[in-house]
Structures are given as C-alpha cells and as structure tokens.
Amino acid sequence: MATFYRPPFEGDDNPFMRDGDDKLIRRSYWLDMSDRSIVMIMTQGIGSALSADEKRAHLEDIRRPHLVAQICTVEILPPER
C-alpha cells in the first residue's frame, strides 16, 4: 500500500489533501502542471518537506513515475568509523 503524505486538515485547500478513499481532492491541480513545474514544486516548493517514499507514492498516483529519479535523490551516507 502506498504511503501518501497526509497534511493536517485546517480548512485550507492543500493540494496534497485526500479523501477517505485515498484519492486526491485537487487532482486537476497536479494533472494540469508540466513535468518541469512538478519537479520544482517537489524539490523547492510545497513538496520539499515530504519523505522520498511520500514523493514516490504521489508521483506514481499522478502518473508521473518517470520523474522519481529527478525528484527523489539517493542520500549517500559516509561510512561509520
């Protein structure tokens, strides 16, 4: 099962809000964007605070899995001493 980001419900129109069936409420917000805009939003904008798993699940849900490599960078940790 996908791990979607669940924003706190505060009455605002958050583009990550989902209904009870895990469907995006503002799906057209995402589908109307270009790939370039989505990359910017997910790396520098409102999606930057999401975990890599949440970003990956969201990108697959909006049918943009080809952007995962650009958005979800692999963190390389230094070896422990």
Protein backbone atom coordinates (compact mmCIF):
# COMPACT_ATOMS: atom_id res chain seq x y z
CA MET A 1 0.00 0.00 0.00
CA ALA A 2 1.28 3.47 -0.90
CA THR A 3 2.42 5.82 1.85
CA PHE A 4 0.80 9.13 0.97
CA TYR A 5 1.51 12.38 2.75
CA ARG A 6 -1.42 13.35 4.95
CA PRO A 7 -1.48 17.10 5.65
CA PRO A 8 -3.25 18.27 8.77
CA PHE A 9 -6.79 19.35 7.93
CA GLU A 10 -7.05 23.04 8.68
CA GLY A 11 -9.78 24.00 6.23
CA ASP A 12 -7.33 25.26 3.61
CA ASP A 13 -7.12 23.90 0.09
CA ASN A 14 -3.87 21.91 0.35
CA PRO A 15 -3.06 20.20 -2.98
CA PHE A 16 -1.99 17.05 -1.10
CA MET A 17 -5.40 16.56 0.60
CA ARG A 18 -7.02 13.15 0.03
CA ASP A 19 -10.49 11.85 0.63
CA GLY A 20 -11.44 8.76 2.60
CA ASP A 21 -10.57 6.52 -0.36
CA ASP A 22 -7.03 8.00 -0.69
CA LYS A 23 -7.94 9.89 -3.88
CA LEU A 24 -6.54 13.36 -4.40
CA ILE A 25 -9.18 16.02 -3.89
CA ARG A 26 -7.39 18.55 -6.14
CA ARG A 27 -6.18 16.08 -8.76
CA SER A 28 -6.57 18.60 -11.61
CA TYR A 29 -4.04 20.88 -9.85
CA TRP A 30 -1.37 18.25 -10.44
CA LEU A 31 -2.52 16.99 -13.83
CA ASP A 32 -2.51 20.49 -15.33
CA MET A 33 1.18 21.05 -14.44
CA SER A 34 4.15 20.42 -16.67
CA ASP A 35 6.84 17.95 -15.60
CA ARG A 36 9.23 20.84 -15.01
CA SER A 37 6.79 22.57 -12.65
CA ILE A 38 6.23 19.37 -10.68
CA VAL A 39 9.98 18.86 -10.28
CA MET A 40 10.35 22.41 -8.94
CA ILE A 41 7.40 22.10 -6.56
CA MET A 42 8.56 18.77 -5.19
CA THR A 43 12.21 19.82 -4.75
CA GLN A 44 11.99 23.52 -3.82
CA GLY A 45 8.34 24.20 -3.02
CA ILE A 46 5.49 22.67 -1.04
CA GLY A 47 6.64 19.10 -1.65
CA SER A 48 10.20 19.58 -0.43
CA ALA A 49 9.34 18.55 3.14
CA LEU A 50 7.90 15.18 2.07
CA SER A 51 9.89 11.98 2.52
CA ALA A 52 11.20 10.15 -0.54
CA ASP A 53 8.55 7.43 -0.08
CA GLU A 54 5.75 10.01 0.09
CA LYS A 55 7.06 11.77 -3.03
CA ARG A 56 7.37 8.47 -4.89
CA ALA A 57 3.81 7.43 -3.96
CA HIS A 58 2.45 10.82 -5.00
CA LEU A 59 4.28 10.79 -8.34
CA GLU A 60 3.01 7.32 -9.13
CA ASP A 61 -0.53 8.40 -8.21
CA ILE A 62 -0.46 11.37 -10.60
CA ARG A 63 1.03 9.15 -13.32
CA ARG A 64 4.47 10.78 -13.34
CA PRO A 65 6.73 7.92 -12.19
CA HIS A 66 9.34 8.99 -14.76
CA LEU A 67 10.11 11.99 -12.51
CA VAL A 68 11.12 9.91 -9.47
CA ALA A 69 14.80 9.84 -10.47
CA GLN A 70 14.89 13.65 -10.73
CA ILE A 71 13.00 14.31 -7.51
CA CYS A 72 13.97 11.52 -5.12
CA THR A 73 17.71 11.78 -4.89
CA VAL A 74 19.56 9.00 -3.14
CA GLU A 75 21.29 10.12 0.01
CA ILE A 76 24.78 8.64 0.35
CA LEU A 77 25.97 8.41 3.91
CA PRO A 78 29.64 8.39 4.82
CA PRO A 79 30.98 5.17 6.32
CA GLU A 80 30.96 4.88 10.07
CA ARG A 81 34.35 4.89 11.76
